[in-house]
Amino acid sequence: MNNKFLLLWLLPLTAGAQAGEDFMRSSGKIHVVYGVILIIFAGLFAYLIRLDLKIKKLENKQ
């Protein structure tokens, strides 16, 4: 029952996202969005690698 309610609630949101995506594609700004998302994920990935190296260094000290 809850899954059907959730699906009905999210359905209008996905339709709006489709229209927004078409607008971004038509104006050529979708590449900017992809670039920003890529930069954010690259930064998170670099941060996690750096954090992992620091944790390993601390573990090896003890």
N, C-alpha and C. Protein backbone atom coordinates (compact mmCIF):
# COMPACT_ATOMS: atom_id res chain seq x y z
N MET A 1 0.82 -1.19 0.00
CA MET A 1 0.00 0.00 0.00
C MET A 1 0.87 1.26 0.00
N ASN A 2 1.89 1.28 0.85
CA ASN A 2 2.75 2.44 0.94
C ASN A 2 3.53 2.67 -0.35
N ASN A 3 3.92 1.58 -1.02
CA ASN A 3 4.67 1.72 -2.27
C ASN A 3 3.84 2.39 -3.34
N LYS A 4 2.55 2.05 -3.41
CA LYS A 4 1.67 2.67 -4.40
C LYS A 4 1.50 4.15 -4.11
N PHE A 5 1.36 4.51 -2.83
CA PHE A 5 1.22 5.91 -2.45
C PHE A 5 2.48 6.68 -2.80
N LEU A 6 3.63 6.10 -2.51
CA LEU A 6 4.89 6.75 -2.80
C LEU A 6 5.07 6.95 -4.30
N LEU A 7 4.71 5.95 -5.08
CA LEU A 7 4.82 6.05 -6.53
C LEU A 7 3.93 7.15 -7.06
N LEU A 8 2.70 7.23 -6.56
CA LEU A 8 1.79 8.28 -7.01
C LEU A 8 2.27 9.67 -6.59
N TRP A 9 2.96 9.75 -5.49
CA TRP A 9 3.48 11.02 -5.01
C TRP A 9 4.68 11.46 -5.83
N LEU A 10 5.53 10.52 -6.23
CA LEU A 10 6.74 10.86 -6.97
C LEU A 10 6.51 11.03 -8.46
N LEU A 11 5.43 10.52 -8.99
CA LEU A 11 5.17 10.58 -10.42
C LEU A 11 5.17 12.00 -10.97
N PRO A 12 4.50 12.96 -10.35
CA PRO A 12 4.55 14.33 -10.88
C PRO A 12 5.95 14.93 -10.82
N LEU A 13 6.74 14.53 -9.85
CA LEU A 13 8.10 15.06 -9.74
C LEU A 13 8.97 14.59 -10.90
N THR A 14 8.80 13.35 -11.31
CA THR A 14 9.60 12.85 -12.43
C THR A 14 9.16 13.48 -13.73
N ALA A 15 7.89 13.80 -13.87
CA ALA A 15 7.42 14.47 -15.09
C ALA A 15 8.00 15.88 -15.16
N GLY A 16 8.09 16.56 -14.05
CA GLY A 16 8.69 17.90 -14.02
C GLY A 16 10.18 17.85 -14.29
N ALA A 17 10.84 16.82 -13.81
CA ALA A 17 12.27 16.68 -14.06
C ALA A 17 12.53 16.45 -15.54
N GLN A 18 11.65 15.73 -16.20
CA GLN A 18 11.79 15.48 -17.64
C GLN A 18 11.72 16.80 -18.40
N ALA A 19 10.78 17.66 -18.04
CA ALA A 19 10.64 18.94 -18.74
C ALA A 19 11.85 19.83 -18.48
N GLY A 20 12.37 19.81 -17.25
CA GLY A 20 13.55 20.60 -16.92
C GLY A 20 14.78 20.10 -17.67
N GLU A 21 14.88 18.79 -17.81
CA GLU A 21 16.01 18.21 -18.53
C GLU A 21 15.96 18.57 -20.00
N ASP A 22 14.76 18.55 -20.59
CA ASP A 22 14.61 18.94 -21.99
C ASP A 22 14.98 20.41 -22.19
N PHE A 23 14.60 21.25 -21.24
CA PHE A 23 14.96 22.66 -21.32
C PHE A 23 16.46 22.83 -21.27
N MET A 24 17.12 22.10 -20.36
CA MET A 24 18.58 22.23 -20.23
C MET A 24 19.27 21.73 -21.50
N ARG A 25 18.76 20.68 -22.09
CA ARG A 25 19.34 20.17 -23.32
C ARG A 25 19.16 21.16 -24.46
N SER A 26 17.99 21.74 -24.57
CA SER A 26 17.73 22.65 -25.67
C SER A 26 18.54 23.93 -25.56
N SER A 27 18.83 24.37 -24.34
CA SER A 27 19.61 25.59 -24.17
C SER A 27 21.11 25.30 -24.13
N GLY A 28 21.51 24.04 -24.13
CA GLY A 28 22.92 23.69 -24.15
C GLY A 28 23.59 23.74 -22.79
N LYS A 29 22.83 23.89 -21.73
CA LYS A 29 23.41 24.00 -20.39
C LYS A 29 23.53 22.67 -19.68
N ILE A 30 23.07 21.60 -20.31
CA ILE A 30 23.16 20.29 -19.67
C ILE A 30 24.62 19.89 -19.48
N HIS A 31 25.48 20.35 -20.37
CA HIS A 31 26.90 20.03 -20.23
C HIS A 31 27.50 20.70 -19.00
N VAL A 32 27.01 21.88 -18.67
CA VAL A 32 27.46 22.56 -17.46
C VAL A 32 27.03 21.77 -16.23
N VAL A 33 25.81 21.27 -16.25
CA VAL A 33 25.31 20.48 -15.13
C VAL A 33 26.14 19.21 -14.97
N TYR A 34 26.40 18.53 -16.08
CA TYR A 34 27.24 17.32 -16.02
C TYR A 34 28.63 17.65 -15.51
N GLY A 35 29.18 18.76 -15.94
CA GLY A 35 30.51 19.17 -15.48
C GLY A 35 30.56 19.43 -13.99
N VAL A 36 29.56 20.13 -13.49
CA VAL A 36 29.51 20.42 -12.05
C VAL A 36 29.36 19.14 -11.24
N ILE A 37 28.50 18.25 -11.69
CA ILE A 37 28.32 16.97 -11.00
C ILE A 37 29.62 16.17 -11.01
N LEU A 38 30.31 16.18 -12.13
CA LEU A 38 31.59 15.46 -12.24
C LEU A 38 32.63 16.05 -11.29
N ILE A 39 32.69 17.37 -11.21
CA ILE A 39 33.64 18.02 -10.30
C ILE A 39 33.32 17.68 -8.84
N ILE A 40 32.05 17.68 -8.49
CA ILE A 40 31.66 17.35 -7.11
C ILE A 40 32.04 15.92 -6.77
N PHE A 41 31.74 14.97 -7.68
CA PHE A 41 32.10 13.58 -7.40
C PHE A 41 33.61 13.37 -7.37
N ALA A 42 34.35 14.06 -8.22
CA ALA A 42 35.81 13.95 -8.21
C ALA A 42 36.36 14.48 -6.89
N GLY A 43 35.80 15.59 -6.41
CA GLY A 43 36.24 16.15 -5.13
C GLY A 43 35.93 15.21 -3.96
N LEU A 44 34.76 14.62 -3.96
CA LEU A 44 34.42 13.66 -2.91
C LEU A 44 35.33 12.44 -2.95
N PHE A 45 35.60 11.96 -4.15
CA PHE A 45 36.47 10.80 -4.32
C PHE A 45 37.89 11.11 -3.81
N ALA A 46 38.42 12.28 -4.17
CA ALA A 46 39.75 12.68 -3.71
C ALA A 46 39.77 12.83 -2.19
N TYR A 47 38.72 13.40 -1.62
CA TYR A 47 38.64 13.56 -0.18
C TYR A 47 38.63 12.20 0.53
N LEU A 48 37.87 11.25 0.01
CA LEU A 48 37.81 9.93 0.63
C LEU A 48 39.15 9.20 0.54
N ILE A 49 39.84 9.34 -0.57
CA ILE A 49 41.16 8.72 -0.70
C ILE A 49 42.13 9.33 0.29
N ARG A 50 42.12 10.68 0.39
CA ARG A 50 43.01 11.36 1.33
C ARG A 50 42.70 10.95 2.77
N LEU A 51 41.42 10.86 3.10
CA LEU A 51 41.01 10.46 4.44
C LEU A 51 41.46 9.03 4.74
N ASP A 52 41.32 8.16 3.76
CA ASP A 52 41.75 6.77 3.93
C ASP A 52 43.25 6.68 4.17
N LEU A 53 44.02 7.47 3.44
CA LEU A 53 45.47 7.45 3.64
C LEU A 53 45.85 7.96 5.03
N LYS A 54 45.16 8.98 5.50
CA LYS A 54 45.44 9.50 6.84
C LYS A 54 45.09 8.47 7.92
N ILE A 55 43.98 7.78 7.74
CA ILE A 55 43.58 6.75 8.71
C ILE A 55 44.58 5.61 8.73
N LYS A 56 45.03 5.18 7.56
CA LYS A 56 46.04 4.12 7.50
C LYS A 56 47.33 4.55 8.18
N LYS A 57 47.70 5.82 8.00
CA LYS A 57 48.92 6.33 8.63
C LYS A 57 48.78 6.31 10.15
N LEU A 58 47.63 6.69 10.66
CA LEU A 58 47.39 6.66 12.10
C LEU A 58 47.37 5.24 12.65
N GLU A 59 46.78 4.32 11.88
CA GLU A 59 46.76 2.92 12.32
C GLU A 59 48.15 2.34 12.38
N ASN A 60 49.00 2.69 11.44
CA ASN A 60 50.35 2.16 11.40
C ASN A 60 51.23 2.74 12.51
N LYS A 61 50.91 3.94 13.01
CA LYS A 61 51.65 4.56 14.10
C LYS A 61 51.49 3.77 15.39
N GLN A 62 50.30 3.22 15.60
CA GLN A 62 50.02 2.56 16.87
C GLN A 62 50.55 1.19 16.91
